[in-house]
Amino acid sequence: METKTGQSECKTAHGRSITTYKDKDGAPLSEFTYEFTYEAYSEDKAGEAELVADNNQLTLAEQVKVRNAEKVSNARAKQLAIELANRGVVKPDAKNDPQVLLKDIFDKLMITKLYDVDGARKMATQVTGIEWA
């Protein structure tokens, strides 16, 4: 195994543009790049030998590619979560985003099959006092 470093760019968080968020001090965020590290199998006979020792079932060449892709993806996601937390970006939910609350109530009303789309939207707005964005 060898330690490698990757780099990625954050343009969105939780399905929204990163520029729609504010940092911990209330300043608007902008797109940013960040680095992450991960452990990867070396792409040579030594890396193949490690895969055999780990008893994986793919061909050796496939295993190297798949396992390294997994490690890059996991490391990138972990570092992005850290970067977003450091910038004060939290995942929108019913407690911190009124539109999420409105959508949750709308979805529950639609499940009852007592309302059509327009009726459920109006009822959700009436119940919450929140207008649709």
Protein backbone atom coordinates (compact mmCIF):
# COMPACT_ATOMS: atom_id res chain seq x y z
CA MET A 1 0.00 0.00 0.00
CA GLU A 2 1.11 3.51 -0.64
CA THR A 3 -0.25 6.84 0.54
CA LYS A 4 -1.42 9.10 -2.26
CA THR A 5 -2.85 12.59 -2.35
CA GLY A 6 -5.81 13.70 -4.44
CA GLN A 7 -7.43 17.04 -5.13
CA SER A 8 -11.08 17.89 -5.72
CA GLU A 9 -13.30 20.91 -6.14
CA CYS A 10 -16.51 21.68 -4.23
CA LYS A 11 -19.18 23.41 -6.30
CA THR A 12 -22.28 21.99 -4.58
CA ALA A 13 -23.29 20.77 -1.14
CA HIS A 14 -26.43 18.80 -0.34
CA GLY A 15 -27.85 19.39 -3.82
CA ARG A 16 -27.42 23.17 -3.77
CA SER A 17 -24.74 25.46 -5.16
CA ILE A 18 -22.08 26.16 -2.53
CA THR A 19 -22.57 29.89 -3.19
CA THR A 20 -26.05 29.70 -1.61
CA TYR A 21 -24.47 28.95 1.78
CA LYS A 22 -22.89 31.28 4.31
CA ASP A 23 -19.87 30.42 6.44
CA LYS A 24 -19.80 30.45 10.24
CA ASP A 25 -19.28 34.22 10.25
CA GLY A 26 -22.17 34.87 7.85
CA ALA A 27 -20.01 35.59 4.79
CA PRO A 28 -21.07 33.98 1.49
CA LEU A 29 -19.13 30.89 0.45
CA SER A 30 -17.49 30.43 -2.92
CA GLU A 31 -16.34 27.33 -4.76
CA PHE A 32 -13.18 25.85 -3.28
CA THR A 33 -10.63 23.11 -3.85
CA TYR A 34 -9.32 20.75 -1.21
CA GLU A 35 -6.79 17.95 -0.90
CA PHE A 36 -7.28 14.49 0.58
CA THR A 37 -5.06 11.48 1.21
CA TYR A 38 -5.82 7.79 0.74
CA GLU A 39 -4.11 4.40 0.83
CA ALA A 40 -3.87 2.69 -2.56
CA TYR A 41 -2.48 -0.58 -3.82
CA SER A 42 0.59 0.01 -5.94
CA GLU A 43 -0.08 -0.68 -9.60
CA ASP A 44 2.62 -3.29 -10.01
CA LYS A 45 3.33 -6.90 -8.95
CA ALA A 46 3.62 -5.87 -5.30
CA GLY A 47 0.14 -4.33 -5.41
CA GLU A 48 -1.19 -7.48 -7.06
CA ALA A 49 0.43 -9.62 -4.38
CA GLU A 50 -1.30 -7.54 -1.67
CA LEU A 51 -4.64 -8.12 -3.38
CA VAL A 52 -4.06 -11.88 -3.50
CA ALA A 53 -3.19 -11.84 0.20
CA ASP A 54 -6.46 -9.98 0.87
CA ASN A 55 -8.36 -12.80 -0.95
CA ASN A 56 -10.32 -10.57 -3.36
CA GLN A 57 -12.18 -12.26 -6.24
CA LEU A 58 -11.60 -9.97 -9.25
CA THR A 59 -8.67 -10.40 -11.59
CA LEU A 60 -5.60 -8.75 -10.20
CA ALA A 61 -5.61 -5.86 -12.65
CA GLU A 62 -9.34 -5.25 -12.02
CA GLN A 63 -8.84 -5.38 -8.28
CA VAL A 64 -6.14 -2.74 -8.34
CA LYS A 65 -8.35 -0.36 -10.32
CA VAL A 66 -11.54 -1.01 -8.34
CA ARG A 67 -9.96 -0.85 -4.90
CA ASN A 68 -8.03 2.31 -5.72
CA ALA A 69 -11.18 3.97 -7.09
CA GLU A 70 -13.00 3.07 -3.85
CA LYS A 71 -10.20 4.51 -1.74
CA VAL A 72 -10.13 7.76 -3.72
CA SER A 73 -13.90 8.13 -3.51
CA ASN A 74 -14.04 7.42 0.23
CA ALA A 75 -11.16 9.75 1.06
CA ARG A 76 -12.61 12.53 -1.10
CA ALA A 77 -16.05 12.23 0.52
CA LYS A 78 -14.60 12.25 4.05
CA GLN A 79 -12.48 15.30 3.35
CA LEU A 80 -15.39 17.12 1.68
CA ALA A 81 -17.51 16.51 4.80
CA ILE A 82 -14.71 18.01 6.93
CA GLU A 83 -14.28 20.99 4.58
CA LEU A 84 -18.03 21.71 4.55
CA ALA A 85 -18.25 21.41 8.36
CA ASN A 86 -15.28 23.78 8.73
CA ARG A 87 -17.13 26.30 6.57
CA GLY A 88 -20.33 25.95 8.56
CA VAL A 89 -22.33 24.19 5.83
CA VAL A 90 -24.98 21.91 7.29
CA LYS A 91 -27.28 19.56 5.44
CA PRO A 92 -30.69 21.23 5.04
CA ASP A 93 -33.43 19.58 7.09
CA ALA A 94 -36.83 20.49 8.51
CA LYS A 95 -35.20 22.15 11.53
CA ASN A 96 -32.87 24.51 9.67
CA ASP A 97 -34.59 25.08 6.30
CA PRO A 98 -38.25 26.09 6.11
CA GLN A 99 -38.53 24.88 2.51
CA VAL A 100 -37.55 21.36 3.60
CA LEU A 101 -40.26 21.47 6.28
CA LEU A 102 -42.79 22.65 3.70
CA LYS A 103 -41.79 19.86 1.30
CA ASP A 104 -42.00 17.24 4.09
CA ILE A 105 -45.55 18.29 4.97
CA PHE A 106 -46.50 18.39 1.28
CA ASP A 107 -45.17 14.83 0.82
CA LYS A 108 -47.15 13.56 3.80
CA LEU A 109 -50.32 15.20 2.51
CA MET A 110 -49.81 13.60 -0.90
CA ILE A 111 -49.40 10.17 0.72
CA THR A 112 -52.89 10.46 2.20
CA LYS A 113 -54.31 10.69 -1.36
CA LEU A 114 -56.84 13.21 -0.03
CA TYR A 115 -55.26 16.10 -1.99
CA ASP A 116 -54.15 16.78 -5.50
CA VAL A 117 -50.81 18.57 -6.01
CA ASP A 118 -52.27 22.09 -5.85
CA GLY A 119 -54.41 21.28 -2.83
CA ALA A 120 -51.49 19.74 -0.94
CA ARG A 121 -49.27 22.74 -1.73
CA LYS A 122 -51.92 25.16 -0.50
CA MET A 123 -52.59 23.13 2.65
CA ALA A 124 -48.87 22.86 3.45
CA THR A 125 -48.53 26.64 3.11
CA GLN A 126 -51.62 27.19 5.27
CA VAL A 127 -50.40 24.87 8.02
CA THR A 128 -46.86 26.25 8.16
CA GLY A 129 -47.34 29.84 7.09
CA ILE A 130 -44.37 29.33 4.76
CA GLU A 131 -44.59 30.35 1.10
CA TRP A 132 -43.04 28.17 -1.60
CA ALA A 133 -39.75 29.47 -2.94
